[in-house]
Structures are given as C-alpha cells and as structure tokens.
C-alpha cells in the first residue's frame, strides 16, 4: 500500500499477511523472540482481521487488547460495533481499550517494543 509507505519506514517490523489473522509464521516468530505477552491490536477491519487476530492471540495464551478507537471497517460503524460485541464475547470486555489507555500503559514501561 503506497499510502502506508511512510509509516512502514518508521515501523519496528512490517509483517505481510494474506489471511485474516496477524499470526503468520513471521509474526509468530517475532512475538516469540520478543517474548511479548500482551498485544495491542488495531486495524481496518474490526469484524474480521482485528477480531480473528484477537481470538488467535487469546488461543495462543497472549493477552489481546483491541484498541477500539484505532479500529474501523469499510462496512460502516454498525459493523465495527458488531465486531466489538463479538470480541467482548470471545476475549472479554476488559480487553477492549482506547488509545489513551494504551498510551498510559506504554508510559509505565519505558523502552517497550512497539510493532506498527
């Protein structure tokens, strides 16, 4: 995506994927090597890619955090909201947070690794 080239150039790591989930072999390896346990997830398709990645993270014993105000969908706000309803059922309502929450948490851990 040419419009994301600038952000990709600043990213810690860019993971290409062809399916709904973040969990490609490359991402699995990166997460394992970095020993990450908590994953803050955001993206363009709340009801599919973000939701699938969160469920897969949960099933891999990670703590997935869906950053609700950093997610959206081309299908509109109603579908975004439905994705969040399903996420609450799959991973728990306490795992849905805002960008303010994430920023406050990152401030507690200086030097925390961030994957964009």
PDB file of N, CA and C in Angstrom:
ATOM      1  N   UNK A   1       0.841  -1.179   0.000  1.00  0.00           N
ATOM      2  CA  UNK A   1       0.000   0.000   0.000  1.00  0.00           C
ATOM      3  C   UNK A   1       0.890   1.247   0.000  1.00  0.00           C
ATOM      4  N   UNK A   2       0.979   1.929  -1.098  1.00  0.00           N
ATOM      5  CA  UNK A   2       1.842   3.114  -1.168  1.00  0.00           C
ATOM      6  C   UNK A   2       1.505   4.177  -0.124  1.00  0.00           C
ATOM      7  N   UNK A   3       0.245   4.322   0.223  1.00  0.00           N
ATOM      8  CA  UNK A   3      -0.135   5.349   1.199  1.00  0.00           C
ATOM      9  C   UNK A   3       0.347   5.034   2.610  1.00  0.00           C
ATOM     10  N   UNK A   4       0.810   3.828   2.867  1.00  0.00           N
ATOM     11  CA  UNK A   4       1.337   3.444   4.188  1.00  0.00           C
ATOM     12  C   UNK A   4       2.860   3.361   4.189  1.00  0.00           C
ATOM     13  N   UNK A   5       3.507   3.710   3.088  1.00  0.00           N
ATOM     14  CA  UNK A   5       4.959   3.568   2.977  1.00  0.00           C
ATOM     15  C   UNK A   5       5.710   4.363   4.038  1.00  0.00           C
ATOM     16  N   UNK A   6       5.272   5.585   4.320  1.00  0.00           N
ATOM     17  CA  UNK A   6       5.949   6.406   5.321  1.00  0.00           C
ATOM     18  C   UNK A   6       5.875   5.771   6.704  1.00  0.00           C
ATOM     19  N   UNK A   7       4.697   5.289   7.086  1.00  0.00           N
ATOM     20  CA  UNK A   7       4.547   4.624   8.387  1.00  0.00           C
ATOM     21  C   UNK A   7       5.368   3.335   8.430  1.00  0.00           C
ATOM     22  N   UNK A   8       5.392   2.593   7.338  1.00  0.00           N
ATOM     23  CA  UNK A   8       6.149   1.342   7.301  1.00  0.00           C
ATOM     24  C   UNK A   8       7.636   1.596   7.468  1.00  0.00           C
ATOM     25  N   UNK A   9       8.114   2.695   6.934  1.00  0.00           N
ATOM     26  CA  UNK A   9       9.537   3.028   7.057  1.00  0.00           C
ATOM     27  C   UNK A   9       9.932   3.291   8.507  1.00  0.00           C
ATOM     28  N   UNK A  10       8.998   3.751   9.329  1.00  0.00           N
ATOM     29  CA  UNK A  10       9.274   4.023  10.748  1.00  0.00           C
ATOM     30  C   UNK A  10       8.988   2.827  11.648  1.00  0.00           C
ATOM     31  N   UNK A  11       8.377   1.796  11.115  1.00  0.00           N
ATOM     32  CA  UNK A  11       7.923   0.659  11.923  1.00  0.00           C
ATOM     33  C   UNK A  11       9.081  -0.184  12.437  1.00  0.00           C
ATOM     34  N   UNK A  12       8.870  -0.771  13.590  1.00  0.00           N
ATOM     35  CA  UNK A  12       9.815  -1.727  14.171  1.00  0.00           C
ATOM     36  C   UNK A  12       9.965  -2.916  13.223  1.00  0.00           C
ATOM     37  N   UNK A  13       8.848  -3.383  12.715  1.00  0.00           N
ATOM     38  CA  UNK A  13       8.809  -4.529  11.802  1.00  0.00           C
ATOM     39  C   UNK A  13       7.492  -4.465  11.044  1.00  0.00           C
ATOM     40  N   UNK A  14       7.508  -4.831   9.789  1.00  0.00           N
ATOM     41  CA  UNK A  14       6.292  -4.911   8.984  1.00  0.00           C
ATOM     42  C   UNK A  14       6.062  -6.376   8.647  1.00  0.00           C
ATOM     43  N   UNK A  15       4.870  -6.857   8.959  1.00  0.00           N
ATOM     44  CA  UNK A  15       4.512  -8.254   8.693  1.00  0.00           C
ATOM     45  C   UNK A  15       3.463  -8.269   7.586  1.00  0.00           C
ATOM     46  N   UNK A  16       3.780  -8.891   6.474  1.00  0.00           N
ATOM     47  CA  UNK A  16       2.799  -9.067   5.409  1.00  0.00           C
ATOM     48  C   UNK A  16       1.915 -10.264   5.727  1.00  0.00           C
ATOM     49  N   UNK A  17       0.649 -10.174   5.383  1.00  0.00           N
ATOM     50  CA  UNK A  17      -0.254 -11.297   5.626  1.00  0.00           C
ATOM     51  C   UNK A  17      -1.228 -11.420   4.464  1.00  0.00           C
ATOM     52  N   UNK A  18      -1.678 -12.626   4.222  1.00  0.00           N
ATOM     53  CA  UNK A  18      -2.625 -12.866   3.137  1.00  0.00           C
ATOM     54  C   UNK A  18      -3.986 -13.312   3.651  1.00  0.00           C
ATOM     55  N   UNK A  19      -4.086 -13.590   4.934  1.00  0.00           N
ATOM     56  CA  UNK A  19      -5.350 -14.024   5.522  1.00  0.00           C
ATOM     57  C   UNK A  19      -5.841 -13.022   6.538  1.00  0.00           C
ATOM     58  N   UNK A  20      -6.812 -13.418   7.336  1.00  0.00           N
ATOM     59  CA  UNK A  20      -7.430 -12.524   8.309  1.00  0.00           C
ATOM     60  C   UNK A  20      -6.573 -12.262   9.536  1.00  0.00           C
ATOM     61  N   UNK A  21      -5.752 -13.195   9.936  1.00  0.00           N
ATOM     62  CA  UNK A  21      -5.050 -13.103  11.209  1.00  0.00           C
ATOM     63  C   UNK A  21      -3.651 -12.507  11.093  1.00  0.00           C
ATOM     64  N   UNK A  22      -3.218 -11.890  12.176  1.00  0.00           N
ATOM     65  CA  UNK A  22      -1.840 -11.438  12.316  1.00  0.00           C
ATOM     66  C   UNK A  22      -0.886 -12.621  12.347  1.00  0.00           C
ATOM     67  N   UNK A  23      -1.343 -13.759  12.817  1.00  0.00           N
ATOM     68  CA  UNK A  23      -0.468 -14.877  13.156  1.00  0.00           C
ATOM     69  C   UNK A  23       0.001 -15.664  11.942  1.00  0.00           C
ATOM     70  N   UNK A  24       0.919 -15.030  11.219  1.00  0.00           N
ATOM     71  CA  UNK A  24       1.672 -15.696  10.162  1.00  0.00           C
ATOM     72  C   UNK A  24       2.891 -16.337  10.818  1.00  0.00           C
ATOM     73  N   UNK A  25       3.597 -17.200  10.112  1.00  0.00           N
ATOM     74  CA  UNK A  25       4.829 -17.740  10.711  1.00  0.00           C
ATOM     75  C   UNK A  25       5.807 -16.640  11.133  1.00  0.00           C
ATOM     76  N   UNK A  26       5.929 -15.586  10.324  1.00  0.00           N
ATOM     77  CA  UNK A  26       6.838 -14.490  10.668  1.00  0.00           C
ATOM     78  C   UNK A  26       6.415 -13.755  11.925  1.00  0.00           C
ATOM     79  N   UNK A  27       5.127 -13.496  12.065  1.00  0.00           N
ATOM     80  CA  UNK A  27       4.629 -12.816  13.263  1.00  0.00           C
ATOM     81  C   UNK A  27       4.763 -13.706  14.489  1.00  0.00           C
ATOM     82  N   UNK A  28       4.440 -14.986  14.344  1.00  0.00           N
ATOM     83  CA  UNK A  28       4.609 -15.922  15.464  1.00  0.00           C
ATOM     84  C   UNK A  28       6.058 -15.897  15.957  1.00  0.00           C
ATOM     85  N   UNK A  29       6.998 -15.935  15.019  1.00  0.00           N
ATOM     86  CA  UNK A  29       8.414 -15.929  15.368  1.00  0.00           C
ATOM     87  C   UNK A  29       8.807 -14.620  16.054  1.00  0.00           C
ATOM     88  N   UNK A  30       8.365 -13.493  15.517  1.00  0.00           N
ATOM     89  CA  UNK A  30       8.673 -12.193  16.107  1.00  0.00           C
ATOM     90  C   UNK A  30       8.141 -12.089  17.531  1.00  0.00           C
ATOM     91  N   UNK A  31       6.905 -12.482  17.736  1.00  0.00           N
ATOM     92  CA  UNK A  31       6.278 -12.419  19.060  1.00  0.00           C
ATOM     93  C   UNK A  31       6.998 -13.335  20.042  1.00  0.00           C
ATOM     94  N   UNK A  32       7.349 -14.526  19.578  1.00  0.00           N
ATOM     95  CA  UNK A  32       8.057 -15.473  20.450  1.00  0.00           C
ATOM     96  C   UNK A  32       9.441 -14.935  20.824  1.00  0.00           C
ATOM     97  N   UNK A  33      10.195 -14.464  19.842  1.00  0.00           N
ATOM     98  CA  UNK A  33      11.554 -13.971  20.114  1.00  0.00           C
ATOM     99  C   UNK A  33      11.546 -12.743  21.021  1.00  0.00           C
ATOM    100  N   UNK A  34      10.554 -11.882  20.839  1.00  0.00           N
ATOM    101  CA  UNK A  34      10.459 -10.677  21.666  1.00  0.00           C
ATOM    102  C   UNK A  34       9.882 -10.985  23.041  1.00  0.00           C
ATOM    103  N   UNK A  35       9.346 -12.185  23.208  1.00  0.00           N
ATOM    104  CA  UNK A  35       8.719 -12.619  24.457  1.00  0.00           C
ATOM    105  C   UNK A  35       7.561 -11.703  24.849  1.00  0.00           C
ATOM    106  N   UNK A  36       6.798 -11.289  23.834  1.00  0.00           N
ATOM    107  CA  UNK A  36       5.629 -10.454  24.089  1.00  0.00           C
ATOM    108  C   UNK A  36       4.485 -11.312  24.616  1.00  0.00           C
ATOM    109  N   UNK A  37       3.809 -10.801  25.596  1.00  0.00           N
ATOM    110  CA  UNK A  37       2.642 -11.494  26.141  1.00  0.00           C
ATOM    111  C   UNK A  37       1.367 -10.719  25.857  1.00  0.00           C
ATOM    112  N   UNK A  38       1.455  -9.396  25.878  1.00  0.00           N
ATOM    113  CA  UNK A  38       0.302  -8.524  25.630  1.00  0.00           C
ATOM    114  C   UNK A  38       0.423  -7.932  24.231  1.00  0.00           C
ATOM    115  N   UNK A  39      -0.677  -7.966  23.482  1.00  0.00           N
ATOM    116  CA  UNK A  39      -0.681  -7.455  22.115  1.00  0.00           C
ATOM    117  C   UNK A  39      -1.814  -6.448  21.957  1.00  0.00           C
ATOM    118  N   UNK A  40      -1.479  -5.201  21.640  1.00  0.00           N
ATOM    119  CA  UNK A  40      -2.480  -4.169  21.371  1.00  0.00           C
ATOM    120  C   UNK A  40      -2.797  -4.223  19.882  1.00  0.00           C
ATOM    121  N   UNK A  41      -4.041  -4.519  19.561  1.00  0.00           N
ATOM    122  CA  UNK A  41      -4.449  -4.736  18.177  1.00  0.00           C
ATOM    123  C   UNK A  41      -5.337  -3.607  17.676  1.00  0.00           C
ATOM    124  N   UNK A  42      -5.063  -3.151  16.467  1.00  0.00           N
ATOM    125  CA  UNK A  42      -5.921  -2.179  15.803  1.00  0.00           C
ATOM    126  C   UNK A  42      -5.842  -2.461  14.316  1.00  0.00           C
ATOM    127  N   UNK A  43      -6.796  -1.931  13.557  1.00  0.00           N
ATOM    128  CA  UNK A  43      -6.762  -2.194  12.130  1.00  0.00           C
ATOM    129  C   UNK A  43      -7.993  -1.699  11.415  1.00  0.00           C
ATOM    130  N   UNK A  44      -8.055  -2.045  10.148  1.00  0.00           N
ATOM    131  CA  UNK A  44      -9.082  -1.521   9.254  1.00  0.00           C
ATOM    132  C   UNK A  44     -10.334  -2.382   9.229  1.00  0.00           C
ATOM    133  N   UNK A  45     -10.266  -3.604   9.609  1.00  0.00           N
ATOM    134  CA  UNK A  45     -11.449  -4.468   9.548  1.00  0.00           C
ATOM    135  C   UNK A  45     -11.727  -5.066  10.924  1.00  0.00           C
ATOM    136  N   UNK A  46     -12.401  -4.299  11.756  1.00  0.00           N
ATOM    137  CA  UNK A  46     -12.692  -4.719  13.131  1.00  0.00           C
ATOM    138  C   UNK A  46     -13.343  -6.089  13.175  1.00  0.00           C
ATOM    139  N   UNK A  47     -14.331  -6.300  12.309  1.00  0.00           N
ATOM    140  CA  UNK A  47     -15.160  -7.507  12.354  1.00  0.00           C
ATOM    141  C   UNK A  47     -14.490  -8.739  11.757  1.00  0.00           C
ATOM    142  N   UNK A  48     -13.342  -8.572  11.104  1.00  0.00           N
ATOM    143  CA  UNK A  48     -12.686  -9.738  10.516  1.00  0.00           C
ATOM    144  C   UNK A  48     -11.228  -9.825  10.971  1.00  0.00           C
ATOM    145  N   UNK A  49     -10.340  -9.029  10.422  1.00  0.00           N
ATOM    146  CA  UNK A  49      -8.908  -9.166  10.720  1.00  0.00           C
ATOM    147  C   UNK A  49      -8.570  -8.900  12.188  1.00  0.00           C
ATOM    148  N   UNK A  50      -9.105  -7.821  12.732  1.00  0.00           N
ATOM    149  CA  UNK A  50      -8.811  -7.500  14.137  1.00  0.00           C
ATOM    150  C   UNK A  50      -9.410  -8.565  15.048  1.00  0.00           C
ATOM    151  N   UNK A  51     -10.651  -8.934  14.798  1.00  0.00           N
ATOM    152  CA  UNK A  51     -11.327  -9.939  15.616  1.00  0.00           C
ATOM    153  C   UNK A  51     -10.617 -11.288  15.534  1.00  0.00           C
ATOM    154  N   UNK A  52     -10.254 -11.719  14.344  1.00  0.00           N
ATOM    155  CA  UNK A  52      -9.577 -13.009  14.168  1.00  0.00           C
ATOM    156  C   UNK A  52      -8.207 -13.000  14.852  1.00  0.00           C
ATOM    157  N   UNK A  53      -7.476 -11.904  14.709  1.00  0.00           N
ATOM    158  CA  UNK A  53      -6.167 -11.805  15.361  1.00  0.00           C
ATOM    159  C   UNK A  53      -6.305 -11.850  16.878  1.00  0.00           C
ATOM    160  N   UNK A  54      -7.320 -11.166  17.411  1.00  0.00           N
ATOM    161  CA  UNK A  54      -7.548 -11.173  18.862  1.00  0.00           C
ATOM    162  C   UNK A  54      -7.897 -12.573  19.359  1.00  0.00           C
ATOM    163  N   UNK A  55      -8.773 -13.254  18.648  1.00  0.00           N
ATOM    164  CA  UNK A  55      -9.154 -14.613  19.048  1.00  0.00           C
ATOM    165  C   UNK A  55      -7.950 -15.551  18.969  1.00  0.00           C
ATOM    166  N   UNK A  56      -7.166 -15.428  17.908  1.00  0.00           N
ATOM    167  CA  UNK A  56      -5.977 -16.273  17.773  1.00  0.00           C
ATOM    168  C   UNK A  56      -4.953 -15.973  18.862  1.00  0.00           C
ATOM    169  N   UNK A  57      -4.780 -14.702  19.204  1.00  0.00           N
ATOM    170  CA  UNK A  57      -3.866 -14.333  20.291  1.00  0.00           C
ATOM    171  C   UNK A  57      -4.325 -14.961  21.607  1.00  0.00           C
ATOM    172  N   UNK A  58      -5.613 -14.853  21.891  1.00  0.00           N
ATOM    173  CA  UNK A  58      -6.196 -15.424  23.100  1.00  0.00           C
ATOM    174  C   UNK A  58      -5.944 -16.933  23.160  1.00  0.00           C
ATOM    175  N   UNK A  59      -6.149 -17.612  22.036  1.00  0.00           N
ATOM    176  CA  UNK A  59      -5.955 -19.065  21.997  1.00  0.00           C
ATOM    177  C   UNK A  59      -4.483 -19.461  22.102  1.00  0.00           C
ATOM    178  N   UNK A  60      -3.571 -18.524  21.862  1.00  0.00           N
ATOM    179  CA  UNK A  60      -2.134 -18.779  21.998  1.00  0.00           C
ATOM    180  C   UNK A  60      -1.622 -18.310  23.365  1.00  0.00           C
ATOM    181  N   UNK A  61      -2.526 -18.028  24.279  1.00  0.00           N
ATOM    182  CA  UNK A  61      -2.193 -17.601  25.645  1.00  0.00           C
ATOM    183  C   UNK A  61      -1.537 -16.234  25.726  1.00  0.00           C
ATOM    184  N   UNK A  62      -1.808 -15.364  24.745  1.00  0.00           N
ATOM    185  CA  UNK A  62      -1.407 -13.960  24.819  1.00  0.00           C
ATOM    186  C   UNK A  62      -2.583 -13.178  25.382  1.00  0.00           C
ATOM    187  N   UNK A  63      -2.329 -11.968  25.806  1.00  0.00           N
ATOM    188  CA  UNK A  63      -3.398 -11.064  26.243  1.00  0.00           C
ATOM    189  C   UNK A  63      -3.670 -10.076  25.101  1.00  0.00           C
ATOM    190  N   UNK A  64      -4.725 -10.310  24.321  1.00  0.00           N
ATOM    191  CA  UNK A  64      -5.039  -9.388  23.235  1.00  0.00           C
ATOM    192  C   UNK A  64      -5.816  -8.188  23.763  1.00  0.00           C
ATOM    193  N   UNK A  65      -5.424  -7.007  23.329  1.00  0.00           N
ATOM    194  CA  UNK A  65      -6.096  -5.766  23.682  1.00  0.00           C
ATOM    195  C   UNK A  65      -6.560  -5.126  22.384  1.00  0.00           C
ATOM    196  N   UNK A  66      -7.853  -5.037  22.168  1.00  0.00           N
ATOM    197  CA  UNK A  66      -8.361  -4.373  20.969  1.00  0.00           C
ATOM    198  C   UNK A  66      -8.499  -2.892  21.288  1.00  0.00           C
ATOM    199  N   UNK A  67      -7.804  -2.075  20.513  1.00  0.00           N
ATOM    200  CA  UNK A  67      -7.833  -0.627  20.700  1.00  0.00           C
ATOM    201  C   UNK A  67      -9.008  -0.102  19.875  1.00  0.00           C
ATOM    202  N   UNK A  68     -10.140   0.053  20.537  1.00  0.00           N
ATOM    203  CA  UNK A  68     -11.410   0.270  19.850  1.00  0.00           C
ATOM    204  C   UNK A  68     -11.454   1.540  19.010  1.00  0.00           C
ATOM    205  N   UNK A  69     -10.814   2.606  19.468  1.00  0.00           N
ATOM    206  CA  UNK A  69     -10.853   3.851  18.700  1.00  0.00           C
ATOM    207  C   UNK A  69      -9.735   3.924  17.664  1.00  0.00           C
ATOM    208  N   UNK A  70      -9.001   2.834  17.495  1.00  0.00           N
ATOM    209  CA  UNK A  70      -7.989   2.738  16.447  1.00  0.00           C
ATOM    210  C   UNK A  70      -8.355   1.628  15.461  1.00  0.00           C
ATOM    211  N   UNK A  71      -9.627   1.268  15.455  1.00  0.00           N
ATOM    212  CA  UNK A  71     -10.154   0.261  14.534  1.00  0.00           C
ATOM    213  C   UNK A  71     -11.321   0.866  13.763  1.00  0.00           C
ATOM    214  N   UNK A  72     -11.569   0.311  12.620  1.00  0.00           N
ATOM    215  CA  UNK A  72     -12.701   0.748  11.791  1.00  0.00           C
ATOM    216  C   UNK A  72     -12.989  -0.354  10.781  1.00  0.00           C
ATOM    217  N   UNK A  73     -13.976  -0.115   9.952  1.00  0.00           N
ATOM    218  CA  UNK A  73     -14.272  -1.046   8.876  1.00  0.00           C
ATOM    219  C   UNK A  73     -14.866  -0.298   7.695  1.00  0.00           C
ATOM    220  N   UNK A  74     -14.586  -0.795   6.521  1.00  0.00           N
ATOM    221  CA  UNK A  74     -15.169  -0.223   5.314  1.00  0.00           C
ATOM    222  C   UNK A  74     -16.672  -0.454   5.272  1.00  0.00           C
ATOM    223  N   UNK A  75     -17.164  -1.389   6.062  1.00  0.00           N
ATOM    224  CA  UNK A  75     -18.588  -1.724   6.068  1.00  0.00           C
ATOM    225  C   UNK A  75     -19.423  -0.778   6.927  1.00  0.00           C
ATOM    226  N   UNK A  76     -18.783   0.161   7.615  1.00  0.00           N
ATOM    227  CA  UNK A  76     -19.515   1.157   8.391  1.00  0.00           C
ATOM    228  C   UNK A  76     -19.478   0.933   9.884  1.00  0.00           C
ATOM    229  N   UNK A  77     -19.932   1.959  10.628  1.00  0.00           N
ATOM    230  CA  UNK A  77     -19.847   1.906  12.091  1.00  0.00           C
ATOM    231  C   UNK A  77     -20.690   0.807  12.728  1.00  0.00           C
ATOM    232  N   UNK A  78     -21.802   0.437  12.133  1.00  0.00           N
ATOM    233  CA  UNK A  78     -22.619  -0.631  12.716  1.00  0.00           C
ATOM    234  C   UNK A  78     -21.876  -1.964  12.701  1.00  0.00           C
ATOM    235  N   UNK A  79     -21.167  -2.251  11.619  1.00  0.00           N
ATOM    236  CA  UNK A  79     -20.413  -3.493  11.513  1.00  0.00           C
ATOM    237  C   UNK A  79     -19.208  -3.459  12.462  1.00  0.00           C
ATOM    238  N   UNK A  80     -18.571  -2.296  12.581  1.00  0.00           N
ATOM    239  CA  UNK A  80     -17.497  -2.122  13.569  1.00  0.00           C
ATOM    240  C   UNK A  80     -18.009  -2.472  14.960  1.00  0.00           C
ATOM    241  N   UNK A  81     -19.173  -1.927  15.312  1.00  0.00           N
ATOM    242  CA  UNK A  81     -19.761  -2.189  16.632  1.00  0.00           C
ATOM    243  C   UNK A  81     -20.080  -3.668  16.824  1.00  0.00           C
ATOM    244  N   UNK A  82     -20.568  -4.330  15.787  1.00  0.00           N
ATOM    245  CA  UNK A  82     -20.853  -5.763  15.879  1.00  0.00           C
ATOM    246  C   UNK A  82     -19.554  -6.539  16.116  1.00  0.00           C
ATOM    247  N   UNK A  83     -18.488  -6.148  15.435  1.00  0.00           N
ATOM    248  CA  UNK A  83     -17.189  -6.795  15.664  1.00  0.00           C
ATOM    249  C   UNK A  83     -16.757  -6.679  17.111  1.00  0.00           C
ATOM    250  N   UNK A  84     -17.006  -5.516  17.710  1.00  0.00           N
ATOM    251  CA  UNK A  84     -16.640  -5.322  19.115  1.00  0.00           C
ATOM    252  C   UNK A  84     -17.528  -6.135  20.051  1.00  0.00           C
ATOM    253  N   UNK A  85     -18.806  -6.288  19.698  1.00  0.00           N
ATOM    254  CA  UNK A  85     -19.701  -7.128  20.501  1.00  0.00           C
ATOM    255  C   UNK A  85     -19.193  -8.566  20.509  1.00  0.00           C
ATOM    256  N   UNK A  86     -18.829  -9.074  19.343  1.00  0.00           N
ATOM    257  CA  UNK A  86     -18.319 -10.442  19.262  1.00  0.00           C
ATOM    258  C   UNK A  86     -16.995 -10.557  20.023  1.00  0.00           C
ATOM    259  N   UNK A  87     -16.138  -9.550  19.910  1.00  0.00           N
ATOM    260  CA  UNK A  87     -14.867  -9.562  20.636  1.00  0.00           C
ATOM    261  C   UNK A  87     -15.096  -9.640  22.139  1.00  0.00           C
ATOM    262  N   UNK A  88     -16.063  -8.892  22.642  1.00  0.00           N
ATOM    263  CA  UNK A  88     -16.364  -8.955  24.086  1.00  0.00           C
ATOM    264  C   UNK A  88     -16.701 -10.380  24.509  1.00  0.00           C
ATOM    265  N   UNK A  89     -17.441 -11.087  23.650  1.00  0.00           N
ATOM    266  CA  UNK A  89     -17.824 -12.468  23.960  1.00  0.00           C
ATOM    267  C   UNK A  89     -16.619 -13.415  23.880  1.00  0.00           C
ATOM    268  N   UNK A  90     -15.713 -13.174  22.925  1.00  0.00           N
ATOM    269  CA  UNK A  90     -14.588 -14.083  22.714  1.00  0.00           C
ATOM    270  C   UNK A  90     -13.434 -13.859  23.683  1.00  0.00           C
ATOM    271  N   UNK A  91     -13.076 -12.605  23.934  1.00  0.00           N
ATOM    272  CA  UNK A  91     -11.864 -12.341  24.724  1.00  0.00           C
ATOM    273  C   UNK A  91     -12.141 -11.572  26.011  1.00  0.00           C
ATOM    274  N   UNK A  92     -13.370 -11.075  26.195  1.00  0.00           N
ATOM    275  CA  UNK A  92     -13.727 -10.371  27.422  1.00  0.00           C
ATOM    276  C   UNK A  92     -13.780  -8.866  27.247  1.00  0.00           C
ATOM    277  N   UNK A  93     -14.748  -8.253  27.876  1.00  0.00           N
ATOM    278  CA  UNK A  93     -14.957  -6.811  27.720  1.00  0.00           C
ATOM    279  C   UNK A  93     -13.788  -5.991  28.262  1.00  0.00           C
ATOM    280  N   UNK A  94     -13.072  -6.519  29.242  1.00  0.00           N
ATOM    281  CA  UNK A  94     -11.942  -5.762  29.795  1.00  0.00           C
ATOM    282  C   UNK A  94     -10.774  -5.678  28.814  1.00  0.00           C
ATOM    283  N   UNK A  95     -10.805  -6.473  27.760  1.00  0.00           N
ATOM    284  CA  UNK A  95      -9.725  -6.475  26.765  1.00  0.00           C
ATOM    285  C   UNK A  95      -9.954  -5.450  25.654  1.00  0.00           C
ATOM    286  N   UNK A  96     -11.051  -4.716  25.719  1.00  0.00           N
ATOM    287  CA  UNK A  96     -11.325  -3.657  24.755  1.00  0.00           C
ATOM    288  C   UNK A  96     -10.971  -2.334  25.413  1.00  0.00           C
ATOM    289  N   UNK A  97     -10.007  -1.631  24.823  1.00  0.00           N
ATOM    290  CA  UNK A  97      -9.449  -0.422  25.429  1.00  0.00           C
ATOM    291  C   UNK A  97      -9.389   0.697  24.397  1.00  0.00           C
ATOM    292  N   UNK A  98      -8.984   1.875  24.844  1.00  0.00           N
ATOM    293  CA  UNK A  98      -8.830   3.027  23.959  1.00  0.00           C
ATOM    294  C   UNK A  98      -7.348   3.356  23.779  1.00  0.00           C
ATOM    295  N   UNK A  99      -7.064   4.237  22.834  1.00  0.00           N
ATOM    296  CA  UNK A  99      -5.674   4.655  22.633  1.00  0.00           C
ATOM    297  C   UNK A  99      -5.123   5.326  23.878  1.00  0.00           C
ATOM    298  N   UNK A 100      -5.944   6.094  24.584  1.00  0.00           N
ATOM    299  CA  UNK A 100      -5.476   6.727  25.829  1.00  0.00           C
ATOM    300  C   UNK A 100      -4.992   5.678  26.827  1.00  0.00           C
ATOM    301  N   UNK A 101      -5.724   4.593  26.958  1.00  0.00           N
ATOM    302  CA  UNK A 101      -5.331   3.510  27.862  1.00  0.00           C
ATOM    303  C   UNK A 101      -3.977   2.933  27.448  1.00  0.00           C
ATOM    304  N   UNK A 102      -3.812   2.663  26.162  1.00  0.00           N
ATOM    305  CA  UNK A 102      -2.563   2.082  25.667  1.00  0.00           C
ATOM    306  C   UNK A 102      -1.384   3.029  25.912  1.00  0.00           C
ATOM    307  N   UNK A 103      -1.574   4.310  25.614  1.00  0.00           N
ATOM    308  CA  UNK A 103      -0.510   5.291  25.820  1.00  0.00           C
ATOM    309  C   UNK A 103      -0.115   5.347  27.299  1.00  0.00           C
ATOM    310  N   UNK A 104      -1.093   5.322  28.193  1.00  0.00           N
ATOM    311  CA  UNK A 104      -0.787   5.332  29.632  1.00  0.00           C
ATOM    312  C   UNK A 104      -0.007   4.071  30.026  1.00  0.00           C
ATOM    313  N   UNK A 105      -0.392   2.929  29.479  1.00  0.00           N
ATOM    314  CA  UNK A 105       0.294   1.685  29.807  1.00  0.00           C
ATOM    315  C   UNK A 105       1.721   1.678  29.267  1.00  0.00           C
ATOM    316  N   UNK A 106       1.919   2.184  28.054  1.00  0.00           N
ATOM    317  CA  UNK A 106       3.267   2.229  27.480  1.00  0.00           C
ATOM    318  C   UNK A 106       4.177   3.162  28.274  1.00  0.00           C
ATOM    319  N   UNK A 107       3.615   4.217  28.840  1.00  0.00           N
ATOM    320  CA  UNK A 107       4.409   5.154  29.642  1.00  0.00           C
ATOM    321  C   UNK A 107       4.960   4.482  30.897  1.00  0.00           C
ATOM    322  N   UNK A 108       4.264   3.465  31.379  1.00  0.00           N
ATOM    323  CA  UNK A 108       4.702   2.730  32.567  1.00  0.00           C
ATOM    324  C   UNK A 108       5.916   1.865  32.258  1.00  0.00           C
ATOM    325  N   UNK A 109       6.061   1.464  30.992  1.00  0.00           N
ATOM    326  CA  UNK A 109       7.137   0.571  30.578  1.00  0.00           C
ATOM    327  C   UNK A 109       8.041   1.250  29.554  1.00  0.00           C
ATOM    328  N   UNK A 110       8.926   2.153  29.998  1.00  0.00           N
ATOM    329  CA  UNK A 110       9.833   2.810  29.045  1.00  0.00           C
ATOM    330  C   UNK A 110      10.644   1.783  28.264  1.00  0.00           C
ATOM    331  N   UNK A 111      10.817   2.020  26.999  1.00  0.00           N
ATOM    332  CA  UNK A 111      11.573   1.103  26.165  1.00  0.00           C
ATOM    333  C   UNK A 111      10.774  -0.071  25.658  1.00  0.00           C
ATOM    334  N   UNK A 112       9.459  -0.075  25.891  1.00  0.00           N
ATOM    335  CA  UNK A 112       8.624  -1.173  25.407  1.00  0.00           C
ATOM    336  C   UNK A 112       8.684  -1.237  23.891  1.00  0.00           C
ATOM    337  N   UNK A 113       8.766  -2.450  23.359  1.00  0.00           N
ATOM    338  CA  UNK A 113       8.794  -2.638  21.907  1.00  0.00           C
ATOM    339  C   UNK A 113       7.409  -2.422  21.333  1.00  0.00           C
ATOM    340  N   UNK A 114       7.374  -1.739  20.198  1.00  0.00           N
ATOM    341  CA  UNK A 114       6.107  -1.465  19.525  1.00  0.00           C
ATOM    342  C   UNK A 114       6.216  -1.932  18.090  1.00  0.00           C
ATOM    343  N   UNK A 115       5.270  -2.730  17.639  1.00  0.00           N
ATOM    344  CA  UNK A 115       5.191  -3.196  16.257  1.00  0.00           C
ATOM    345  C   UNK A 115       4.080  -2.436  15.575  1.00  0.00           C
ATOM    346  N   UNK A 116       4.386  -1.723  14.502  1.00  0.00           N
ATOM    347  CA  UNK A 116       3.346  -0.973  13.772  1.00  0.00           C
ATOM    348  C   UNK A 116       2.916  -1.770  12.577  1.00  0.00           C
TER     349      UNK A 116
END
